[in-house]
């Protein structure tokens, strides 16, 4: 009983901390440059709250460049952080304005959060909603006169996971090619032992905690015998970006704080190992003196932004 209460407390701390620091992760990457965008009609137009599904959280905003003369545009979908429990697309207005000012269509996409009113909401369901949201954003941009030929995805913390899952898992089904993805402090959700849900699969209490993590939080169908056979690793692939990487995976730009105690640095190491194994192009920026909030290293922030500009120019040229 004490173990179960401890696990629930850990989850609450993880979610609460991610809600608190999620916006800071974005600011760590966006404040320097995006804050300098002087938004007006000569830069672009913002259109809000398009629906892509029946749930209240199924909404997206479009940030449209003022110049409609080009034959094609790249669209960047950005997904907010907040521990899968909080956050909103409005908090990402800065980076979305910045993208539109550079000539890209920005899409801020909400998803159904795991809150009291939606206790059964799982990360798997969130990824499926994001897939529908991206499809709807491309379609709506086309309707508004912006022909989309490529997309990219980005996010911070929880939004990082959703960004990677779309780019890695759903790229074959995307309406246009996925060019790359970028993220900060993203959970790869590869092992419940790395999130404090259990120490192993030996005791019955640990096994119950692991199964709750897999089947309730992630939304999968992992059985107790899968813990013994190792089959659980195959079953978590739909929501685990590191396990989805293969030779066809799109390039990724990402960062992580070495002192992150909310999404531990091991999560970045899983990505690095898989990317190296399959020889996927990537740029990794290590924030050596930062935790989940990477706002304390402005030079690293600028390095990330400079790299993002390189990725945009290389993989989604105007």
C-alpha atoms as a PDB file:
ATOM      1  CA  UNK A   1       0.000   0.000   0.000  1.00  0.00           C
ATOM      2  CA  UNK A   2       2.820   2.393   0.912  1.00  0.00           C
ATOM      3  CA  UNK A   3       4.553   1.581  -2.381  1.00  0.00           C
ATOM      4  CA  UNK A   4       1.394   2.358  -4.344  1.00  0.00           C
ATOM      5  CA  UNK A   5       0.954   5.698  -2.575  1.00  0.00           C
ATOM      6  CA  UNK A   6       4.593   6.537  -3.272  1.00  0.00           C
ATOM      7  CA  UNK A   7       4.143   5.756  -6.959  1.00  0.00           C
ATOM      8  CA  UNK A   8       1.046   7.934  -7.167  1.00  0.00           C
ATOM      9  CA  UNK A   9       2.914  10.749  -5.415  1.00  0.00           C
ATOM     10  CA  UNK A  10       5.792  10.432  -7.877  1.00  0.00           C
ATOM     11  CA  UNK A  11       3.428  10.646 -10.837  1.00  0.00           C
ATOM     12  CA  UNK A  12       1.769  13.706  -9.312  1.00  0.00           C
ATOM     13  CA  UNK A  13       5.152  15.394  -8.801  1.00  0.00           C
ATOM     14  CA  UNK A  14       6.203  14.543 -12.373  1.00  0.00           C
ATOM     15  CA  UNK A  15       3.001  15.950 -13.834  1.00  0.00           C
ATOM     16  CA  UNK A  16       2.968  18.993 -11.584  1.00  0.00           C
ATOM     17  CA  UNK A  17       6.602  19.829 -12.315  1.00  0.00           C
ATOM     18  CA  UNK A  18       6.092  19.385 -16.034  1.00  0.00           C
ATOM     19  CA  UNK A  19       3.097  21.724 -15.933  1.00  0.00           C
ATOM     20  CA  UNK A  20       5.213  24.278 -14.100  1.00  0.00           C
ATOM     21  CA  UNK A  21       8.344  23.982 -16.223  1.00  0.00           C
ATOM     22  CA  UNK A  22       6.772  23.125 -19.609  1.00  0.00           C
ATOM     23  CA  UNK A  23       6.424  26.788 -20.635  1.00  0.00           C
ATOM     24  CA  UNK A  24       9.951  27.488 -19.364  1.00  0.00           C
ATOM     25  CA  UNK A  25      11.356  24.823 -21.679  1.00  0.00           C
ATOM     26  CA  UNK A  26       9.798  26.628 -24.608  1.00  0.00           C
ATOM     27  CA  UNK A  27      11.116  29.968 -23.380  1.00  0.00           C
ATOM     28  CA  UNK A  28      14.557  28.456 -23.054  1.00  0.00           C
ATOM     29  CA  UNK A  29      14.475  27.823 -26.763  1.00  0.00           C
ATOM     30  CA  UNK A  30      12.298  30.659 -27.942  1.00  0.00           C
ATOM     31  CA  UNK A  31      12.658  33.766 -25.808  1.00  0.00           C
ATOM     32  CA  UNK A  32      15.748  35.250 -27.405  1.00  0.00           C
ATOM     33  CA  UNK A  33      14.572  35.252 -31.026  1.00  0.00           C
ATOM     34  CA  UNK A  34      10.832  34.846 -30.976  1.00  0.00           C
ATOM     35  CA  UNK A  35      10.421  37.757 -28.573  1.00  0.00           C
ATOM     36  CA  UNK A  36      11.936  40.030 -31.206  1.00  0.00           C
ATOM     37  CA  UNK A  37       9.203  39.307 -33.756  1.00  0.00           C
ATOM     38  CA  UNK A  38       7.101  42.460 -34.134  1.00  0.00           C
ATOM     39  CA  UNK A  39       3.807  40.918 -35.145  1.00  0.00           C
ATOM     40  CA  UNK A  40       1.463  42.882 -37.389  1.00  0.00           C
ATOM     41  CA  UNK A  41      -0.516  42.405 -40.604  1.00  0.00           C
ATOM     42  CA  UNK A  42       2.618  42.822 -42.701  1.00  0.00           C
ATOM     43  CA  UNK A  43       4.084  39.732 -41.019  1.00  0.00           C
ATOM     44  CA  UNK A  44       1.103  37.408 -40.943  1.00  0.00           C
ATOM     45  CA  UNK A  45      -2.341  36.440 -39.727  1.00  0.00           C
ATOM     46  CA  UNK A  46      -3.451  34.251 -36.831  1.00  0.00           C
ATOM     47  CA  UNK A  47      -6.600  32.159 -37.172  1.00  0.00           C
ATOM     48  CA  UNK A  48      -7.670  30.304 -34.050  1.00  0.00           C
ATOM     49  CA  UNK A  49      -9.694  27.364 -32.783  1.00  0.00           C
ATOM     50  CA  UNK A  50     -10.308  25.289 -35.866  1.00  0.00           C
ATOM     51  CA  UNK A  51     -11.810  21.928 -34.892  1.00  0.00           C
ATOM     52  CA  UNK A  52     -10.295  18.639 -35.974  1.00  0.00           C
ATOM     53  CA  UNK A  53     -12.413  16.292 -33.860  1.00  0.00           C
ATOM     54  CA  UNK A  54     -15.393  16.057 -31.555  1.00  0.00           C
ATOM     55  CA  UNK A  55     -13.610  16.489 -28.213  1.00  0.00           C
ATOM     56  CA  UNK A  56     -13.254  19.949 -26.636  1.00  0.00           C
ATOM     57  CA  UNK A  57      -9.457  19.732 -26.796  1.00  0.00           C
ATOM     58  CA  UNK A  58      -9.431  18.986 -30.537  1.00  0.00           C
ATOM     59  CA  UNK A  59      -8.550  22.513 -31.635  1.00  0.00           C
ATOM     60  CA  UNK A  60      -5.721  24.082 -33.607  1.00  0.00           C
ATOM     61  CA  UNK A  61      -4.521  27.558 -34.551  1.00  0.00           C
ATOM     62  CA  UNK A  62      -2.808  28.593 -37.776  1.00  0.00           C
ATOM     63  CA  UNK A  63      -0.133  31.270 -38.054  1.00  0.00           C
ATOM     64  CA  UNK A  64      -0.112  32.279 -41.711  1.00  0.00           C
ATOM     65  CA  UNK A  65       2.635  34.270 -43.472  1.00  0.00           C
ATOM     66  CA  UNK A  66       1.476  37.520 -45.072  1.00  0.00           C
ATOM     67  CA  UNK A  67       3.155  36.553 -48.344  1.00  0.00           C
ATOM     68  CA  UNK A  68       0.775  34.256 -50.252  1.00  0.00           C
ATOM     69  CA  UNK A  69       2.620  34.457 -53.557  1.00  0.00           C
ATOM     70  CA  UNK A  70       4.787  31.328 -53.252  1.00  0.00           C
ATOM     71  CA  UNK A  71       3.917  28.070 -54.970  1.00  0.00           C
ATOM     72  CA  UNK A  72       4.513  25.995 -51.845  1.00  0.00           C
ATOM     73  CA  UNK A  73       4.905  26.315 -48.082  1.00  0.00           C
ATOM     74  CA  UNK A  74       6.237  24.191 -45.270  1.00  0.00           C
ATOM     75  CA  UNK A  75       3.992  23.682 -42.247  1.00  0.00           C
ATOM     76  CA  UNK A  76       5.398  23.241 -38.733  1.00  0.00           C
ATOM     77  CA  UNK A  77       3.135  21.675 -36.126  1.00  0.00           C
ATOM     78  CA  UNK A  78       4.074  22.559 -32.540  1.00  0.00           C
ATOM     79  CA  UNK A  79       2.696  20.679 -29.514  1.00  0.00           C
ATOM     80  CA  UNK A  80       2.701  22.161 -26.025  1.00  0.00           C
ATOM     81  CA  UNK A  81       4.207  20.635 -22.900  1.00  0.00           C
ATOM     82  CA  UNK A  82       2.627  20.202 -19.492  1.00  0.00           C
ATOM     83  CA  UNK A  83       3.178  16.620 -18.356  1.00  0.00           C
ATOM     84  CA  UNK A  84       0.296  15.346 -20.557  1.00  0.00           C
ATOM     85  CA  UNK A  85      -1.847  16.999 -17.904  1.00  0.00           C
ATOM     86  CA  UNK A  86      -1.787  20.747 -18.637  1.00  0.00           C
ATOM     87  CA  UNK A  87      -0.697  23.419 -21.082  1.00  0.00           C
ATOM     88  CA  UNK A  88      -2.322  25.035 -24.090  1.00  0.00           C
ATOM     89  CA  UNK A  89      -1.411  26.004 -27.652  1.00  0.00           C
ATOM     90  CA  UNK A  90      -1.654  29.701 -26.782  1.00  0.00           C
ATOM     91  CA  UNK A  91       1.506  29.369 -24.726  1.00  0.00           C
ATOM     92  CA  UNK A  92       3.467  28.627 -27.898  1.00  0.00           C
ATOM     93  CA  UNK A  93       2.444  31.787 -29.764  1.00  0.00           C
ATOM     94  CA  UNK A  94       6.002  33.120 -29.701  1.00  0.00           C
ATOM     95  CA  UNK A  95       7.653  30.323 -31.640  1.00  0.00           C
ATOM     96  CA  UNK A  96       4.677  30.025 -34.006  1.00  0.00           C
ATOM     97  CA  UNK A  97       4.868  33.751 -34.830  1.00  0.00           C
ATOM     98  CA  UNK A  98       8.595  33.353 -35.363  1.00  0.00           C
ATOM     99  CA  UNK A  99       7.998  30.519 -37.839  1.00  0.00           C
ATOM    100  CA  UNK A 100       5.378  32.517 -39.739  1.00  0.00           C
ATOM    101  CA  UNK A 101       7.717  35.519 -39.865  1.00  0.00           C
ATOM    102  CA  UNK A 102      10.240  33.273 -41.630  1.00  0.00           C
ATOM    103  CA  UNK A 103       7.664  32.206 -44.228  1.00  0.00           C
ATOM    104  CA  UNK A 104       6.349  28.966 -42.738  1.00  0.00           C
ATOM    105  CA  UNK A 105       2.801  28.080 -41.779  1.00  0.00           C
ATOM    106  CA  UNK A 106       2.734  27.431 -38.035  1.00  0.00           C
ATOM    107  CA  UNK A 107       0.139  25.162 -36.453  1.00  0.00           C
ATOM    108  CA  UNK A 108      -0.412  25.115 -32.693  1.00  0.00           C
ATOM    109  CA  UNK A 109      -2.353  21.945 -31.931  1.00  0.00           C
ATOM    110  CA  UNK A 110      -4.114  21.054 -28.673  1.00  0.00           C
ATOM    111  CA  UNK A 111      -4.988  17.536 -27.563  1.00  0.00           C
ATOM    112  CA  UNK A 112      -7.168  15.994 -24.870  1.00  0.00           C
ATOM    113  CA  UNK A 113      -5.360  16.238 -21.542  1.00  0.00           C
ATOM    114  CA  UNK A 114      -5.214  13.672 -18.788  1.00  0.00           C
ATOM    115  CA  UNK A 115      -7.186  15.645 -16.203  1.00  0.00           C
ATOM    116  CA  UNK A 116      -9.982  14.838 -13.778  1.00  0.00           C
ATOM    117  CA  UNK A 117     -12.638  15.182 -16.459  1.00  0.00           C
ATOM    118  CA  UNK A 118     -10.796  12.724 -18.710  1.00  0.00           C
ATOM    119  CA  UNK A 119      -9.364  10.053 -16.381  1.00  0.00           C
ATOM    120  CA  UNK A 120      -9.124   7.472 -19.154  1.00  0.00           C
ATOM    121  CA  UNK A 121      -7.176   9.712 -21.508  1.00  0.00           C
ATOM    122  CA  UNK A 122      -3.926   7.974 -22.443  1.00  0.00           C
ATOM    123  CA  UNK A 123      -0.781   9.002 -24.242  1.00  0.00           C
ATOM    124  CA  UNK A 124      -1.676   6.636 -27.082  1.00  0.00           C
ATOM    125  CA  UNK A 125      -4.956   8.514 -27.584  1.00  0.00           C
ATOM    126  CA  UNK A 126      -3.085  11.827 -27.536  1.00  0.00           C
ATOM    127  CA  UNK A 127      -0.770  10.653 -30.326  1.00  0.00           C
ATOM    128  CA  UNK A 128      -3.754   9.580 -32.420  1.00  0.00           C
ATOM    129  CA  UNK A 129      -5.383  12.976 -31.902  1.00  0.00           C
ATOM    130  CA  UNK A 130      -2.192  14.748 -32.967  1.00  0.00           C
ATOM    131  CA  UNK A 131      -2.183  12.681 -36.149  1.00  0.00           C
ATOM    132  CA  UNK A 132      -5.696  13.872 -36.956  1.00  0.00           C
ATOM    133  CA  UNK A 133      -4.801  17.434 -35.983  1.00  0.00           C
ATOM    134  CA  UNK A 134      -1.823  17.539 -38.335  1.00  0.00           C
ATOM    135  CA  UNK A 135      -3.914  16.201 -41.205  1.00  0.00           C
ATOM    136  CA  UNK A 136      -6.584  18.830 -40.529  1.00  0.00           C
ATOM    137  CA  UNK A 137      -4.007  21.635 -40.294  1.00  0.00           C
ATOM    138  CA  UNK A 138      -2.549  20.762 -43.691  1.00  0.00           C
ATOM    139  CA  UNK A 139      -6.030  20.578 -45.211  1.00  0.00           C
ATOM    140  CA  UNK A 140      -7.114  23.906 -43.725  1.00  0.00           C
ATOM    141  CA  UNK A 141      -3.922  25.635 -44.862  1.00  0.00           C
ATOM    142  CA  UNK A 142      -4.582  24.386 -48.380  1.00  0.00           C
ATOM    143  CA  UNK A 143      -8.142  25.744 -48.223  1.00  0.00           C
ATOM    144  CA  UNK A 144      -6.755  29.130 -47.220  1.00  0.00           C
ATOM    145  CA  UNK A 145      -4.443  29.272 -50.229  1.00  0.00           C
ATOM    146  CA  UNK A 146      -1.180  27.894 -48.782  1.00  0.00           C
ATOM    147  CA  UNK A 147      -0.094  24.825 -50.711  1.00  0.00           C
ATOM    148  CA  UNK A 148       1.776  22.613 -48.228  1.00  0.00           C
ATOM    149  CA  UNK A 149       4.495  20.391 -49.665  1.00  0.00           C
ATOM    150  CA  UNK A 150       6.286  19.355 -46.446  1.00  0.00           C
ATOM    151  CA  UNK A 151       5.697  19.342 -42.689  1.00  0.00           C
ATOM    152  CA  UNK A 152       7.869  19.311 -39.591  1.00  0.00           C
ATOM    153  CA  UNK A 153       6.926  18.868 -35.942  1.00  0.00           C
ATOM    154  CA  UNK A 154       8.244  20.283 -32.690  1.00  0.00           C
ATOM    155  CA  UNK A 155       7.487  20.396 -28.999  1.00  0.00           C
ATOM    156  CA  UNK A 156       8.767  20.653 -25.457  1.00  0.00           C
ATOM    157  CA  UNK A 157       8.612  18.029 -22.703  1.00  0.00           C
ATOM    158  CA  UNK A 158       5.311  16.127 -23.203  1.00  0.00           C
ATOM    159  CA  UNK A 159       4.897  17.846 -26.569  1.00  0.00           C
ATOM    160  CA  UNK A 160       8.303  16.465 -27.536  1.00  0.00           C
ATOM    161  CA  UNK A 161       7.020  12.923 -27.236  1.00  0.00           C
ATOM    162  CA  UNK A 162       4.000  13.714 -29.401  1.00  0.00           C
ATOM    163  CA  UNK A 163       6.226  15.464 -31.925  1.00  0.00           C
ATOM    164  CA  UNK A 164       8.564  12.495 -32.242  1.00  0.00           C
ATOM    165  CA  UNK A 165       5.792   9.909 -32.405  1.00  0.00           C
ATOM    166  CA  UNK A 166       4.171  11.744 -35.303  1.00  0.00           C
ATOM    167  CA  UNK A 167       7.472  12.161 -37.155  1.00  0.00           C
ATOM    168  CA  UNK A 168       8.693   8.613 -36.534  1.00  0.00           C
ATOM    169  CA  UNK A 169       5.529   6.487 -36.381  1.00  0.00           C
ATOM    170  CA  UNK A 170       3.052   8.391 -38.534  1.00  0.00           C
ATOM    171  CA  UNK A 171       5.282   9.770 -41.284  1.00  0.00           C
ATOM    172  CA  UNK A 172       4.270   7.020 -43.761  1.00  0.00           C
ATOM    173  CA  UNK A 173       0.614   8.075 -43.384  1.00  0.00           C
ATOM    174  CA  UNK A 174       1.176  11.839 -43.468  1.00  0.00           C
ATOM    175  CA  UNK A 175      -0.603  13.782 -46.240  1.00  0.00           C
ATOM    176  CA  UNK A 176       2.746  15.272 -47.334  1.00  0.00           C
ATOM    177  CA  UNK A 177       6.342  14.244 -46.520  1.00  0.00           C
ATOM    178  CA  UNK A 178       7.632  14.819 -42.988  1.00  0.00           C
ATOM    179  CA  UNK A 179      10.935  16.690 -43.247  1.00  0.00           C
ATOM    180  CA  UNK A 180      12.273  16.585 -39.680  1.00  0.00           C
ATOM    181  CA  UNK A 181      11.347  17.000 -36.026  1.00  0.00           C
ATOM    182  CA  UNK A 182      12.758  19.044 -33.139  1.00  0.00           C
ATOM    183  CA  UNK A 183      12.229  18.842 -29.398  1.00  0.00           C
ATOM    184  CA  UNK A 184      13.498  19.651 -25.918  1.00  0.00           C
ATOM    185  CA  UNK A 185      13.553  17.398 -22.840  1.00  0.00           C
ATOM    186  CA  UNK A 186      11.311  14.772 -24.375  1.00  0.00           C
ATOM    187  CA  UNK A 187      10.282  11.595 -22.530  1.00  0.00           C
ATOM    188  CA  UNK A 188      10.848   8.490 -24.650  1.00  0.00           C
ATOM    189  CA  UNK A 189       8.637   6.405 -22.306  1.00  0.00           C
ATOM    190  CA  UNK A 190      10.757   3.323 -22.805  1.00  0.00           C
ATOM    191  CA  UNK A 191      10.830   1.901 -19.288  1.00  0.00           C
ATOM    192  CA  UNK A 192       8.567   2.410 -16.239  1.00  0.00           C
ATOM    193  CA  UNK A 193      11.587   1.920 -13.966  1.00  0.00           C
ATOM    194  CA  UNK A 194      13.001   5.208 -15.247  1.00  0.00           C
ATOM    195  CA  UNK A 195       9.935   7.135 -14.103  1.00  0.00           C
ATOM    196  CA  UNK A 196       9.810   5.673 -10.611  1.00  0.00           C
ATOM    197  CA  UNK A 197       6.775   3.496 -11.251  1.00  0.00           C
ATOM    198  CA  UNK A 198       8.646   0.398 -10.109  1.00  0.00           C
ATOM    199  CA  UNK A 199      12.127  -0.913  -9.350  1.00  0.00           C
ATOM    200  CA  UNK A 200      11.664  -4.051 -11.409  1.00  0.00           C
ATOM    201  CA  UNK A 201       9.101  -6.723 -12.178  1.00  0.00           C
ATOM    202  CA  UNK A 202       9.874  -9.045  -9.278  1.00  0.00           C
ATOM    203  CA  UNK A 203       7.302  -8.142  -6.613  1.00  0.00           C
ATOM    204  CA  UNK A 204       3.555  -8.165  -7.164  1.00  0.00           C
ATOM    205  CA  UNK A 205       3.323  -4.523  -6.135  1.00  0.00           C
ATOM    206  CA  UNK A 206       5.961  -3.513  -8.675  1.00  0.00           C
ATOM    207  CA  UNK A 207       4.248  -5.559 -11.355  1.00  0.00           C
ATOM    208  CA  UNK A 208       0.907  -3.869 -10.643  1.00  0.00           C
ATOM    209  CA  UNK A 209       2.570  -0.468 -10.806  1.00  0.00           C
ATOM    210  CA  UNK A 210       4.258  -1.295 -14.117  1.00  0.00           C
ATOM    211  CA  UNK A 211       1.029  -2.567 -15.638  1.00  0.00           C
ATOM    212  CA  UNK A 212      -0.781   0.590 -14.518  1.00  0.00           C
ATOM    213  CA  UNK A 213       1.912   2.669 -16.202  1.00  0.00           C
ATOM    214  CA  UNK A 214       1.633   0.667 -19.429  1.00  0.00           C
ATOM    215  CA  UNK A 215      -2.116   0.198 -19.621  1.00  0.00           C
ATOM    216  CA  UNK A 216      -3.577   3.315 -17.988  1.00  0.00           C
ATOM    217  CA  UNK A 217      -1.008   6.071 -18.453  1.00  0.00           C
ATOM    218  CA  UNK A 218       0.265   4.910 -21.858  1.00  0.00           C
ATOM    219  CA  UNK A 219      -2.998   3.270 -22.989  1.00  0.00           C
ATOM    220  CA  UNK A 220      -1.563  -0.042 -24.163  1.00  0.00           C
ATOM    221  CA  UNK A 221      -2.452  -3.703 -23.690  1.00  0.00           C
ATOM    222  CA  UNK A 222       0.428  -5.193 -21.720  1.00  0.00           C
ATOM    223  CA  UNK A 223      -0.298  -8.387 -19.787  1.00  0.00           C
ATOM    224  CA  UNK A 224       1.510  -9.704 -16.738  1.00  0.00           C
ATOM    225  CA  UNK A 225       3.149 -12.504 -18.708  1.00  0.00           C
ATOM    226  CA  UNK A 226       4.620  -9.880 -21.044  1.00  0.00           C
ATOM    227  CA  UNK A 227       6.726  -8.605 -18.138  1.00  0.00           C
ATOM    228  CA  UNK A 228       8.437 -12.000 -17.872  1.00  0.00           C
ATOM    229  CA  UNK A 229       8.842 -12.669 -21.590  1.00  0.00           C
ATOM    230  CA  UNK A 230      10.056  -9.176 -22.489  1.00  0.00           C
ATOM    231  CA  UNK A 231       7.166  -8.767 -24.919  1.00  0.00           C
ATOM    232  CA  UNK A 232       6.282  -5.486 -23.175  1.00  0.00           C
ATOM    233  CA  UNK A 233       9.095  -3.764 -25.098  1.00  0.00           C
ATOM    234  CA  UNK A 234       7.424  -4.623 -28.384  1.00  0.00           C
ATOM    235  CA  UNK A 235       4.013  -3.551 -27.134  1.00  0.00           C
ATOM    236  CA  UNK A 236       5.142  -0.072 -26.036  1.00  0.00           C
ATOM    237  CA  UNK A 237       6.530   0.851 -29.467  1.00  0.00           C
ATOM    238  CA  UNK A 238       3.409   2.822 -30.521  1.00  0.00           C
ATOM    239  CA  UNK A 239       4.179   5.488 -27.900  1.00  0.00           C
ATOM    240  CA  UNK A 240       7.954   5.156 -27.463  1.00  0.00           C
ATOM    241  CA  UNK A 241       9.898   7.333 -29.934  1.00  0.00           C
ATOM    242  CA  UNK A 242      13.260   5.664 -29.258  1.00  0.00           C
ATOM    243  CA  UNK A 243      11.839   2.250 -30.124  1.00  0.00           C
ATOM    244  CA  UNK A 244      10.311   3.552 -33.376  1.00  0.00           C
ATOM    245  CA  UNK A 245      13.609   4.687 -34.894  1.00  0.00           C
ATOM    246  CA  UNK A 246      14.802   2.832 -37.987  1.00  0.00           C
ATOM    247  CA  UNK A 247      16.812   3.470 -41.151  1.00  0.00           C
ATOM    248  CA  UNK A 248      13.961   5.521 -42.637  1.00  0.00           C
ATOM    249  CA  UNK A 249      13.506   7.835 -39.641  1.00  0.00           C
ATOM    250  CA  UNK A 250      13.543  11.563 -40.423  1.00  0.00           C
ATOM    251  CA  UNK A 251      16.306  13.815 -39.004  1.00  0.00           C
ATOM    252  CA  UNK A 252      15.901  15.239 -35.521  1.00  0.00           C
ATOM    253  CA  UNK A 253      17.222  18.236 -33.616  1.00  0.00           C
ATOM    254  CA  UNK A 254      16.918  17.849 -29.853  1.00  0.00           C
ATOM    255  CA  UNK A 255      18.253  19.017 -26.517  1.00  0.00           C
ATOM    256  CA  UNK A 256      18.252  17.818 -22.936  1.00  0.00           C
ATOM    257  CA  UNK A 257      19.505  19.043 -19.584  1.00  0.00           C
ATOM    258  CA  UNK A 258      22.110  16.886 -17.869  1.00  0.00           C
ATOM    259  CA  UNK A 259      20.581  17.657 -14.465  1.00  0.00           C
ATOM    260  CA  UNK A 260      16.971  17.034 -15.467  1.00  0.00           C
ATOM    261  CA  UNK A 261      15.260  15.208 -12.606  1.00  0.00           C
ATOM    262  CA  UNK A 262      11.781  15.297 -14.171  1.00  0.00           C
ATOM    263  CA  UNK A 263      12.632  13.667 -17.499  1.00  0.00           C
ATOM    264  CA  UNK A 264      15.970  12.095 -16.656  1.00  0.00           C
ATOM    265  CA  UNK A 265      18.938  12.376 -19.009  1.00  0.00           C
ATOM    266  CA  UNK A 266      18.746   8.641 -19.688  1.00  0.00           C
ATOM    267  CA  UNK A 267      15.773   9.426 -21.941  1.00  0.00           C
ATOM    268  CA  UNK A 268      18.065  11.373 -24.279  1.00  0.00           C
ATOM    269  CA  UNK A 269      20.593   8.549 -24.195  1.00  0.00           C
ATOM    270  CA  UNK A 270      17.948   6.129 -25.480  1.00  0.00           C
ATOM    271  CA  UNK A 271      17.442   8.405 -28.489  1.00  0.00           C
ATOM    272  CA  UNK A 272      21.165   8.834 -29.116  1.00  0.00           C
ATOM    273  CA  UNK A 273      21.754   5.086 -29.022  1.00  0.00           C
ATOM    274  CA  UNK A 274      18.927   4.347 -31.480  1.00  0.00           C
ATOM    275  CA  UNK A 275      19.860   7.187 -33.828  1.00  0.00           C
ATOM    276  CA  UNK A 276      23.491   6.071 -33.966  1.00  0.00           C
ATOM    277  CA  UNK A 277      22.506   2.440 -34.465  1.00  0.00           C
ATOM    278  CA  UNK A 278      20.354   3.251 -37.491  1.00  0.00           C
ATOM    279  CA  UNK A 279      22.563   6.093 -38.780  1.00  0.00           C
ATOM    280  CA  UNK A 280      19.803   8.696 -38.645  1.00  0.00           C
ATOM    281  CA  UNK A 281      20.956  12.334 -39.086  1.00  0.00           C
ATOM    282  CA  UNK A 282      20.610  14.310 -35.861  1.00  0.00           C
ATOM    283  CA  UNK A 283      21.879  17.285 -33.914  1.00  0.00           C
ATOM    284  CA  UNK A 284      21.990  16.971 -30.154  1.00  0.00           C
ATOM    285  CA  UNK A 285      22.573  19.998 -27.939  1.00  0.00           C
ATOM    286  CA  UNK A 286      23.466  19.055 -24.396  1.00  0.00           C
ATOM    287  CA  UNK A 287      22.577  21.605 -21.730  1.00  0.00           C
ATOM    288  CA  UNK A 288      25.341  20.628 -19.335  1.00  0.00           C
ATOM    289  CA  UNK A 289      24.281  22.903 -16.457  1.00  0.00           C
ATOM    290  CA  UNK A 290      20.490  22.709 -16.777  1.00  0.00           C
ATOM    291  CA  UNK A 291      17.616  20.635 -15.518  1.00  0.00           C
ATOM    292  CA  UNK A 292      14.137  20.459 -17.027  1.00  0.00           C
ATOM    293  CA  UNK A 293      14.162  24.241 -17.182  1.00  0.00           C
ATOM    294  CA  UNK A 294      16.885  25.063 -19.700  1.00  0.00           C
ATOM    295  CA  UNK A 295      16.457  28.814 -19.412  1.00  0.00           C
ATOM    296  CA  UNK A 296      19.685  29.348 -17.505  1.00  0.00           C
ATOM    297  CA  UNK A 297      22.016  28.822 -20.476  1.00  0.00           C
ATOM    298  CA  UNK A 298      21.289  31.550 -23.066  1.00  0.00           C
ATOM    299  CA  UNK A 299      24.244  30.592 -25.288  1.00  0.00           C
ATOM    300  CA  UNK A 300      22.881  27.077 -25.529  1.00  0.00           C
ATOM    301  CA  UNK A 301      19.453  28.504 -26.278  1.00  0.00           C
ATOM    302  CA  UNK A 302      20.879  30.478 -29.168  1.00  0.00           C
ATOM    303  CA  UNK A 303      22.755  27.408 -30.381  1.00  0.00           C
ATOM    304  CA  UNK A 304      19.471  25.528 -30.503  1.00  0.00           C
ATOM    305  CA  UNK A 305      17.763  28.312 -32.440  1.00  0.00           C
ATOM    306  CA  UNK A 306      20.661  28.599 -34.874  1.00  0.00           C
ATOM    307  CA  UNK A 307      20.451  24.846 -35.456  1.00  0.00           C
ATOM    308  CA  UNK A 308      16.699  25.070 -35.987  1.00  0.00           C
ATOM    309  CA  UNK A 309      17.264  27.673 -38.709  1.00  0.00           C
ATOM    310  CA  UNK A 310      19.769  25.323 -40.346  1.00  0.00           C
ATOM    311  CA  UNK A 311      17.240  22.474 -40.266  1.00  0.00           C
ATOM    312  CA  UNK A 312      14.494  24.657 -41.740  1.00  0.00           C
ATOM    313  CA  UNK A 313      16.768  25.839 -44.552  1.00  0.00           C
ATOM    314  CA  UNK A 314      18.142  22.370 -45.247  1.00  0.00           C
ATOM    315  CA  UNK A 315      15.040  20.197 -44.991  1.00  0.00           C
ATOM    316  CA  UNK A 316      12.182  22.653 -45.735  1.00  0.00           C
ATOM    317  CA  UNK A 317      13.684  25.368 -47.953  1.00  0.00           C
ATOM    318  CA  UNK A 318      11.375  28.211 -48.902  1.00  0.00           C
END
